[in-house]
Protein backbone atom coordinates (compact mmCIF):
# COMPACT_ATOMS: atom_id res chain seq x y z
CA MET A 1 9.38 18.71 -12.16
CA GLN A 2 12.07 21.38 -13.41
CA ILE A 3 13.30 20.66 -17.02
CA GLY A 4 17.04 19.63 -17.63
CA TRP A 5 15.63 15.86 -18.36
CA THR A 6 16.66 14.82 -21.65
CA ALA A 7 15.77 11.56 -23.62
CA ALA A 8 18.13 8.59 -22.95
CA SER A 9 17.24 6.39 -25.71
CA SER A 10 16.54 6.92 -29.33
CA ASN A 11 13.01 5.52 -29.28
CA SER A 12 12.24 8.13 -26.34
CA LEU A 13 11.19 11.90 -26.41
CA ALA A 14 11.22 14.07 -23.33
CA PHE A 15 8.98 17.28 -22.87
CA LEU A 16 7.92 19.61 -20.10
CA ASN A 17 4.21 19.02 -19.60
CA LYS A 18 2.33 22.10 -18.21
CA THR A 19 -1.07 20.58 -18.11
CA ASN A 20 -0.86 16.94 -16.69
CA TYR A 21 1.32 17.19 -13.55
CA VAL A 22 0.61 16.57 -9.70
CA GLU A 23 2.49 19.50 -8.11
CA GLY A 24 3.89 22.79 -9.13
CA ASN A 25 3.56 23.87 -12.49
CA GLY A 26 4.48 20.85 -14.89
CA SER A 27 5.92 17.35 -15.09
CA ILE A 28 8.22 15.65 -17.16
CA GLU A 29 6.62 13.75 -20.19
CA LEU A 30 8.40 10.68 -21.46
CA THR A 31 7.08 9.87 -24.86
CA ILE A 32 8.14 5.94 -25.93
CA LYS A 33 7.80 4.69 -29.29
CA PRO A 34 7.35 1.22 -28.63
CA ASN A 35 8.02 -0.53 -32.03
CA SER A 36 10.96 1.57 -32.90
CA ASN A 37 13.97 -0.98 -33.35
CA ASN A 38 11.77 -3.62 -31.45
CA HIS A 39 12.27 -1.91 -28.41
CA PHE A 40 9.83 -1.88 -25.67
CA SER A 41 11.55 0.78 -23.13
CA GLY A 42 12.16 4.27 -22.87
CA ALA A 43 14.12 6.55 -20.52
CA ILE A 44 14.74 10.09 -19.48
CA ILE A 45 17.96 11.15 -18.00
CA LYS A 46 19.24 14.09 -15.91
CA SER A 47 22.76 15.28 -14.51
CA VAL A 48 22.94 16.18 -10.92
CA ASN A 49 25.31 16.55 -7.94
CA LYS A 50 23.61 15.17 -4.96
CA ASN A 51 24.95 13.77 -1.77
CA LEU A 52 22.32 10.84 -0.92
CA SER A 53 24.48 9.01 1.72
CA ASN A 54 21.65 9.50 4.47
CA ALA A 55 18.72 9.18 2.02
CA THR A 56 16.36 6.75 3.43
CA ASN A 57 14.09 6.43 0.53
CA PHE A 58 12.88 7.79 -3.11
CA TYR A 59 9.65 9.49 -3.72
CA PHE A 60 7.90 10.49 -7.22
CA TRP A 61 4.77 10.40 -8.96
CA PHE A 62 4.45 8.29 -12.34
CA TYR A 63 1.42 8.60 -14.76
CA ILE A 64 0.60 6.00 -17.47
CA GLN A 65 -2.88 6.16 -19.25
CA ASN A 66 -3.11 2.26 -19.59
CA ALA A 67 -1.01 0.31 -16.86
CA SER A 68 -1.56 -2.90 -18.58
CA LYS A 69 1.07 -1.90 -21.13
CA LEU A 70 3.72 -2.01 -18.51
CA LYS A 71 5.82 -5.12 -18.52
CA GLY A 72 4.26 -7.87 -16.24
CA GLY A 73 5.23 -11.15 -14.85
CA GLY A 74 7.26 -10.01 -11.73
CA ASN A 75 9.14 -7.43 -13.89
CA TRP A 76 9.75 -3.93 -12.89
CA GLY A 77 7.59 -1.43 -14.70
CA VAL A 78 9.41 1.66 -13.75
CA THR A 79 13.01 1.65 -12.48
CA LEU A 80 15.10 4.75 -10.94
CA LEU A 81 18.84 4.35 -11.68
CA LEU A 82 21.36 6.48 -9.81
CA SER A 83 25.14 6.58 -10.54
CA ASN A 84 28.33 8.01 -9.53
CA GLU A 85 29.47 8.66 -13.16
CA ALA A 86 27.86 9.53 -16.60
CA ASN A 87 28.55 6.22 -18.34
CA TYR A 88 26.49 4.02 -15.68
CA LYS A 89 29.41 1.62 -15.69
CA ASN A 90 28.46 1.36 -11.96
CA TYR A 91 24.92 2.24 -10.56
CA PHE A 92 22.11 1.49 -8.36
CA GLN A 93 18.68 0.16 -9.59
CA CYS A 94 15.42 0.65 -7.73
CA GLY A 95 12.35 -0.62 -9.30
CA ILE A 96 8.90 -0.99 -8.59
CA LEU A 97 6.72 -3.76 -9.93
CA SER A 98 4.11 -3.06 -12.72
CA GLY A 99 1.60 -5.29 -10.77
CA GLY A 100 0.64 -2.50 -8.48
CA MET A 101 0.34 0.38 -11.07
CA GLU A 102 -3.07 1.58 -11.74
CA ASN A 103 -4.07 4.12 -14.84
CA GLY A 104 -3.24 7.57 -14.11
CA TRP A 105 -0.99 9.06 -11.49
CA ASN A 106 0.51 6.45 -8.96
CA PRO A 107 2.59 7.96 -5.94
CA ILE A 108 5.87 5.75 -5.52
CA VAL A 109 8.12 5.43 -2.62
CA ILE A 110 10.97 2.99 -2.84
CA ALA A 111 13.30 2.17 0.17
CA ARG A 112 17.04 3.05 -0.62
CA SER A 113 17.71 -0.33 0.96
CA GLN A 114 15.50 -2.06 -1.79
CA CYS A 115 17.86 -0.58 -4.59
CA GLN A 116 20.29 -2.98 -5.97
CA ALA A 117 24.01 -2.36 -6.90
CA VAL A 118 25.25 -3.19 -10.40
CA GLY A 119 28.89 -2.85 -10.39
CA ASN A 120 30.44 -1.12 -7.70
CA PRO A 121 28.60 2.05 -7.12
CA SER A 122 28.91 4.03 -3.62
CA TRP A 123 26.18 6.00 -1.52
CA LYS A 124 29.40 7.68 -0.04
CA ASN A 125 30.17 9.54 -3.26
CA ASN A 126 27.84 11.99 -4.80
CA ILE A 127 25.35 11.00 -7.21
CA SER A 128 25.98 12.50 -10.50
CA SER A 129 23.41 11.03 -12.89
CA ILE A 130 19.87 9.81 -12.12
CA GLU A 131 17.64 7.79 -15.01
CA PHE A 132 14.03 6.90 -15.31
CA GLU A 133 13.39 3.87 -17.26
CA VAL A 134 9.76 2.91 -18.21
CA ASN A 135 9.69 -1.13 -19.26
CA LEU A 136 6.67 -1.86 -21.55
CA ALA A 137 5.35 -5.34 -22.38
CA ALA A 138 6.45 -6.63 -25.66
CA ALA A 139 3.92 -6.62 -28.72
CA SER A 140 1.97 -9.72 -28.93
CA LYS A 141 -1.42 -10.77 -30.20
CA LYS A 142 -3.06 -9.47 -27.17
CA ILE A 143 -0.84 -6.16 -26.87
CA LYS A 144 -0.78 -4.22 -29.82
CA TYR A 145 0.59 -0.54 -30.15
CA THR A 146 -1.02 1.64 -32.74
CA SER A 147 0.34 5.07 -31.31
CA ASN A 148 3.19 6.25 -28.98
CA VAL A 149 2.84 5.45 -25.07
CA ILE A 150 2.71 8.61 -23.08
CA THR A 151 4.06 8.57 -19.30
CA ASN A 152 4.90 11.39 -16.88
CA PHE A 153 6.97 11.86 -14.04
CA ASP A 154 6.67 14.46 -11.43
CA ASN A 155 7.93 15.63 -7.75
CA LEU A 156 11.08 13.34 -7.42
CA ARG A 157 12.45 13.62 -3.74
CA TYR A 158 14.22 11.66 -1.11
CA SER A 159 13.98 10.66 2.53
CA TYR A 160 10.16 11.09 2.09
CA ALA A 161 8.43 10.46 5.53
CA GLY A 162 4.86 10.10 4.31
CA GLY A 163 4.20 13.46 4.42
CA ALA A 164 3.29 14.22 8.00
CA PHE A 165 5.08 12.01 10.29
CA ASP A 166 8.31 12.19 12.43
CA ARG A 167 8.59 8.51 13.00
CA ALA A 168 7.74 5.04 11.45
CA GLN A 169 3.89 4.10 11.88
CA VAL A 170 2.78 0.56 12.55
CA ILE A 171 -0.90 -0.60 12.04
CA LEU A 172 -2.03 -4.05 13.44
CA THR A 173 -5.15 -5.15 11.69
CA PHE A 174 -7.28 -8.38 11.86
CA ASP A 175 -9.38 -9.54 8.82
CA GLY A 176 -12.37 -11.55 9.18
CA ALA A 177 -15.12 -11.98 12.17
CA TRP A 178 -13.42 -14.15 14.65
CA ASN A 179 -13.54 -13.51 18.29
CA SER A 180 -10.06 -14.40 18.95
CA THR A 181 -9.33 -10.73 18.00
CA LEU A 182 -11.14 -9.73 21.21
CA TYR A 183 -10.14 -12.51 23.55
CA ASN A 184 -6.61 -13.36 22.30
CA ALA A 185 -5.04 -10.35 20.63
CA THR A 186 -6.58 -7.50 22.57
CA PRO A 187 -5.50 -8.33 26.21
CA ILE A 188 -1.84 -8.40 24.94
CA MET A 189 -2.41 -5.02 23.00
CA GLN A 190 -4.04 -3.42 25.96
CA ALA A 191 -1.09 -4.39 28.19
CA ASN A 192 1.24 -2.49 25.71
CA ASN A 193 -1.29 0.51 25.22
CA GLN A 194 -2.08 -0.56 21.57
CA THR A 195 -5.19 -0.51 19.53
CA GLY A 196 -5.74 -2.08 15.93
CA VAL A 197 -8.30 -2.37 13.00
CA ALA A 198 -10.78 -5.05 12.85
CA PHE A 199 -11.94 -5.43 9.24
CA ILE A 200 -15.45 -7.25 9.46
CA VAL A 201 -16.91 -9.75 7.22
CA THR A 202 -20.43 -8.56 8.19
CA ASN A 203 -22.40 -11.96 7.45
CA ASP A 204 -20.14 -13.71 9.67
CA ILE A 205 -20.93 -11.74 12.82
CA GLY A 206 -22.25 -14.18 15.33
CA GLU A 207 -25.76 -13.12 15.30
CA ASN A 208 -26.15 -13.06 11.37
CA LEU A 209 -25.18 -16.82 10.96
CA SER A 210 -28.26 -19.07 10.46
CA ALA A 211 -29.35 -21.46 13.54
CA LYS A 212 -29.17 -24.60 11.13
CA SER A 213 -25.53 -23.37 10.44
CA GLN A 214 -24.67 -23.20 14.13
CA LYS A 215 -26.30 -26.42 14.85
CA LYS A 216 -24.61 -28.53 12.33
CA HIS A 217 -21.27 -27.03 13.40
CA ASP A 218 -20.55 -26.16 9.63
CA TYR A 219 -18.03 -23.57 8.82
CA ASN A 220 -19.01 -20.19 7.32
CA TYR A 221 -16.02 -18.92 5.03
CA ASP A 222 -14.49 -16.96 8.04
CA CYS A 223 -15.63 -18.39 11.36
CA GLY A 224 -17.56 -21.40 12.93
CA ILE A 225 -17.75 -23.45 15.92
CA SER A 226 -14.17 -24.27 16.75
CA THR A 227 -13.09 -20.74 15.93
CA PRO A 228 -16.05 -18.60 17.24
CA CYS A 229 -17.48 -15.91 15.29
CA ILE A 230 -17.39 -12.31 16.88
CA THR A 231 -20.65 -10.85 18.12
CA LYS A 232 -22.13 -7.52 17.72
CA LYS A 233 -21.60 -6.93 21.35
CA GLU A 234 -17.95 -7.96 21.14
CA ILE A 235 -17.40 -5.80 18.20
CA THR A 236 -18.98 -2.79 20.16
CA ASP A 237 -16.40 -3.76 23.02
CA LEU A 238 -13.68 -3.46 20.55
CA HIS A 239 -15.16 -0.11 19.27
CA ASN A 240 -15.24 1.25 22.96
CA ASP A 241 -11.65 0.18 23.59
CA GLY A 242 -10.50 2.80 20.65
CA TRP A 243 -10.45 0.08 17.66
CA ASP A 244 -11.28 0.85 14.15
CA ILE A 245 -14.22 -1.28 12.90
CA SER A 246 -13.95 -1.45 9.08
CA SER A 247 -15.14 -3.14 5.91
CA HIS A 248 -14.11 -6.41 4.63
CA THR A 249 -17.39 -7.09 2.52
CA VAL A 250 -20.79 -9.19 3.42
CA ASN A 251 -19.42 -12.72 2.44
CA HIS A 252 -15.66 -12.16 2.25
CA ALA A 253 -16.33 -12.48 -1.68
CA ASN A 254 -13.50 -12.44 -4.35
CA LEU A 255 -14.31 -9.34 -5.92
CA VAL A 256 -11.86 -10.02 -9.09
CA THR A 257 -12.19 -13.51 -10.04
CA ASP A 258 -15.85 -14.25 -9.84
CA THR A 259 -17.40 -15.51 -13.46
CA SER A 260 -21.02 -15.29 -12.53
CA ASP A 261 -23.60 -12.77 -14.72
CA ASP A 262 -24.20 -10.93 -11.43
CA TYR A 263 -20.39 -10.15 -11.01
CA LYS A 264 -20.01 -9.04 -14.70
CA LYS A 265 -22.77 -6.87 -14.32
CA GLY A 266 -21.41 -5.41 -11.12
CA ILE A 267 -24.49 -6.32 -9.37
CA LYS A 268 -22.72 -8.80 -6.75
CA ASN A 269 -19.75 -6.53 -6.11
CA ASN A 270 -21.90 -3.40 -5.52
CA PHE A 271 -24.20 -5.78 -2.91
CA GLU A 272 -21.02 -6.91 -1.23
CA LEU A 273 -19.62 -3.17 -0.97
CA ALA A 274 -22.97 -1.26 -0.04
CA ASN A 275 -24.31 -3.61 2.51
CA SER A 276 -21.01 -4.12 4.46
CA PHE A 277 -20.73 -0.71 4.87
CA ALA A 278 -24.52 -0.07 5.67
CA THR A 279 -24.35 -2.91 8.20
CA LEU A 280 -21.66 -1.46 10.09
CA ASN A 281 -23.26 1.94 10.12
CA ASN A 282 -26.58 0.43 11.36
CA LEU A 283 -24.45 -1.06 14.29
CA GLY A 284 -23.40 2.71 15.06
CA PHE A 285 -20.11 2.45 13.75
CA THR A 286 -20.64 5.58 12.02
CA ASN A 287 -17.26 7.52 12.13
CA ASN A 288 -14.71 7.24 9.31
CA ALA A 289 -13.45 3.75 10.14
CA ALA A 290 -16.59 2.16 8.41
CA ARG A 291 -15.36 3.84 5.41
CA PHE A 292 -11.97 1.96 5.44
CA PHE A 293 -12.02 -1.12 3.43
CA ALA A 294 -9.85 -4.27 2.85
CA TYR A 295 -9.84 -6.33 -0.33
CA PRO A 296 -10.72 -9.96 0.74
CA ASN A 297 -7.61 -12.25 -0.23
CA GLY A 298 -5.77 -8.74 -0.86
CA ALA A 299 -7.52 -9.40 -4.70
CA TYR A 300 -8.33 -6.03 -6.65
CA ASN A 301 -8.17 -4.59 -10.29
CA SER A 302 -9.14 -1.29 -11.87
CA VAL A 303 -12.86 -2.56 -12.49
CA VAL A 304 -12.93 -3.12 -8.64
CA ILE A 305 -11.33 0.08 -7.68
CA ASN A 306 -14.00 2.08 -9.81
CA GLN A 307 -16.83 0.01 -8.14
CA ILE A 308 -15.88 1.22 -4.89
CA LYS A 309 -15.26 4.79 -5.98
CA GLN A 310 -18.63 4.72 -7.35
CA GLN A 311 -20.18 3.69 -3.98
CA GLY A 312 -19.28 7.01 -2.46
CA ASN A 313 -18.86 5.64 0.83
CA TYR A 314 -15.36 4.43 0.90
CA ILE A 315 -12.02 6.71 1.39
CA PHE A 316 -9.30 4.27 1.79
CA SER A 317 -8.48 0.48 0.56
CA ARG A 318 -5.90 -1.72 1.64
CA ALA A 319 -4.28 -4.71 -0.37
CA LEU A 320 -1.84 -7.08 0.89
CA GLY A 321 1.92 -7.69 0.02
CA TYR A 322 5.48 -6.62 0.78
CA GLY A 323 6.52 -3.47 -1.15
CA ILE A 324 3.47 -3.09 -3.25
CA THR A 325 1.87 0.25 -4.17
CA GLN A 326 -1.23 0.34 -2.42
CA PRO A 327 -4.54 1.00 -4.78
CA ASN A 328 -5.42 4.61 -4.10
CA LEU A 329 -9.12 5.74 -4.51
CA PHE A 330 -8.74 9.69 -5.09
CA ILE A 331 -5.41 11.06 -5.98
CA ASP A 332 -6.43 14.49 -4.27
CA SER A 333 -7.56 12.59 -1.10
CA PRO A 334 -5.81 12.90 2.26
CA TYR A 335 -6.84 9.00 2.66
CA ASN A 336 -4.26 8.08 -0.01
CA LEU A 337 -1.44 6.06 1.26
CA SER A 338 1.37 7.93 -0.50
CA ASP A 339 3.90 5.46 0.74
CA ARG A 340 4.71 2.24 -0.51
CA VAL A 341 3.51 0.40 2.06
CA GLN A 342 4.68 -2.82 3.65
CA SER A 343 1.50 -4.79 4.28
CA ILE A 344 2.13 -8.31 5.58
CA PRO A 345 -0.06 -11.20 5.46
CA MET A 346 0.69 -12.75 8.71
CA THR A 347 0.75 -16.63 8.03
CA PRO A 348 2.12 -19.23 10.44
CA SER A 349 5.45 -19.16 8.28
CA VAL A 350 6.06 -15.54 9.39
CA THR A 351 8.00 -15.78 12.52
CA ALA A 352 8.34 -13.32 15.02
CA ASN A 353 12.02 -12.64 14.31
CA MET A 354 10.92 -11.87 10.56
CA VAL A 355 8.60 -9.57 11.96
CA GLU A 356 11.17 -7.81 14.14
CA GLY A 357 13.15 -7.34 10.81
CA TYR A 358 10.28 -5.64 9.13
CA ILE A 359 9.94 -3.35 12.17
CA ASN A 360 13.46 -2.40 11.99
CA GLN A 361 13.20 -1.79 8.15
CA VAL A 362 10.30 0.39 8.58
CA ILE A 363 12.00 2.51 11.36
CA THR A 364 14.81 2.96 9.03
CA GLU A 365 12.54 4.14 6.09
CA ASN A 366 10.31 6.15 8.48
CA GLY A 367 7.56 4.54 6.56
CA LEU A 368 4.20 2.63 7.22
CA LEU A 369 4.11 -1.22 8.14
CA VAL A 370 0.62 -2.86 8.16
CA LEU A 371 0.54 -6.33 9.71
CA THR A 372 -2.56 -8.23 8.98
CA PHE A 373 -3.67 -11.00 11.29
CA HIS A 374 -6.61 -13.39 11.10
CA ILE A 375 -7.15 -15.89 13.77
CA ILE A 376 -5.02 -15.48 17.08
CA GLN A 377 -4.84 -19.11 18.72
CA GLY A 378 -2.65 -20.56 21.47
CA LYS A 379 -2.08 -23.52 19.18
CA PRO A 380 -3.20 -24.43 15.60
CA GLN A 381 -6.81 -26.16 15.90
CA GLY A 382 -6.06 -28.70 12.67
CA ASN A 383 -9.07 -27.48 10.72
CA GLN A 384 -9.16 -25.60 7.31
CA TYR A 385 -7.90 -22.38 9.23
CA THR A 386 -4.50 -23.50 10.12
CA SER A 387 -2.84 -21.57 7.39
CA ILE A 388 -4.22 -18.37 8.75
CA GLU A 389 -3.65 -18.97 12.50
CA TYR A 390 -0.88 -17.29 14.57
CA SER A 391 0.13 -18.31 17.63
CA THR A 392 -0.53 -16.13 21.00
CA ALA A 393 3.23 -16.68 21.93
CA ASN A 394 4.75 -15.23 18.58
CA PHE A 395 1.90 -12.39 18.50
CA THR A 396 3.09 -11.35 22.21
CA ILE A 397 6.60 -11.27 21.05
CA ILE A 398 5.67 -8.85 18.36
CA SER A 399 3.39 -6.71 20.54
CA ASN A 400 5.99 -6.43 23.14
CA TYR A 401 8.64 -5.61 20.47
CA LEU A 402 6.56 -2.65 19.29
CA ARG A 403 6.02 -1.49 22.57
CA GLN A 404 9.91 -1.33 23.14
CA LYS A 405 10.31 0.55 20.01
CA GLN A 406 7.63 3.06 20.64
CA ASP A 407 9.04 3.81 24.07
CA GLN A 408 12.51 4.54 22.38
CA GLY A 409 10.64 7.18 20.34
CA LEU A 410 11.16 5.09 17.13
CA LEU A 411 7.62 4.30 16.10
CA ARG A 412 4.20 4.66 16.59
CA VAL A 413 1.50 1.75 17.05
CA THR A 414 -1.64 3.39 15.63
CA ASN A 415 -4.79 2.71 13.87
CA LEU A 416 -6.26 4.02 10.57
CA THR A 417 -8.48 6.70 12.04
CA SER A 418 -5.49 8.10 14.24
CA TYR A 419 -3.23 7.87 11.31
CA TYR A 420 -5.05 9.99 8.98
CA ALA A 421 -6.04 12.32 11.88
CA ARG A 422 -2.64 13.26 12.23
CA MET A 423 -1.87 13.35 8.69
CA ASN A 424 -4.70 15.82 8.31
CA GLU A 425 -3.38 17.73 11.23
CA SER A 426 0.13 17.82 9.96
CA THR A 427 1.24 20.54 7.42
CA THR A 428 2.35 18.43 4.33
CA THR A 429 5.76 20.01 3.31
CA SER A 430 8.38 19.52 1.02
CA THR A 431 10.35 21.12 -1.79
CA SER A 432 8.42 20.24 -4.81
CA THR A 433 10.70 19.49 -7.91
CA SER A 434 7.84 20.99 -10.05
CA SER A 435 7.28 24.53 -8.28
CA THR A 436 9.46 27.28 -7.29
CA SER A 437 7.73 27.82 -3.78
CA THR A 438 8.96 25.94 -0.78
CA THR A 439 7.12 25.07 2.24
CA SER A 440 8.27 23.64 5.66
CA SER A 441 7.09 21.40 8.68
CA SER A 442 8.09 20.71 11.85
CA THR A 443 7.59 17.32 11.81
CA SER A 444 9.07 16.04 8.52
CA THR A 445 10.62 17.08 5.23
CA SER A 446 11.85 15.76 2.02
CA THR A 447 14.35 17.22 -0.40
CA THR A 448 14.35 17.47 -3.93
CA ILE A 449 16.56 15.53 -6.26
């Protein structure tokens, strides 16, 4: 990032760092003295003169060596402030929760619509001052500060479209191993020329369940008799229809909360990760789709991310949550989601009308929306899966609405393989805040602040 940034608080220092950066030739380093006057935040500020009336979002890279130092508990770890005046009497605050942050560099995209107004600021008037604030956890018995906290910011832009696309992207994913994906969801999607992603729990594939389990009508974690498991042939049918067949572990194991010795040693997670991928490959799904991974229950931490990296098989991982930062496996990989993805778990409480709102929002942001389903049923079966069943009627409304918006040229319903194929084919271009060079793209651009 270009210099011009200065420290905005007494316990902060601002430098141009020419060794730790993402793009161009340097980043802005914010050094925070966390115990200075009992303050646990730091900030940098810059004077600008920018018309952001048509901005859709704000994009930047944030670096922190130890993300656990950020303030948690549903608080913003990093906040972008924008004001029409130097004294910040009236301003917009655009925050990102610390829960999605990882150690190292984090790509952040915040929709302008998610920025909150304090006082009476206006997007119609030029923005004259911008500020980054980092909020650290207060010192405690568990959190101690023996030295300054180093953070970095790089490549601040606005109206970022994911680096590749001219319209919003929507991906429909289906977690587990239920055959309702094939028999209930697929016909609706085929009528609208749509495909999706099936994240398979490989031990729940019909042929893998024991005869004893089937005979007693017991339920495996993810499928059973009244909600049948998908078979190898049925998965192949999905694959032949253009679906991604991807990994969701062997047993839908929670990779984070297990306290067993095997978990602590990494044995259990390595088994779940390695064998899920191997099973999909042995079934013939050897394209990149088997290398896409979904965290069971959306749960992950830095230990799990490192275990996935060490497998050497996976190139992408998906978590759950609205407005979270997706966990990136490799910063320099095209398979990183450099968007603040809206990844929605589709429970019965999520109405079709709510989803239409999510779709309209992602169109405005020109971003990526991931809808995660489990069971698609005509009506709830009244078993333990009721909380993750989604009605065929509402699913039809959503699929039809997506087709309508796609026909209008406002979005594209895609799968992960196609999403990343387009990303790799496109020339990722923008004016970097940290470089003097400028590149361009026929599909999308973003602009330096």
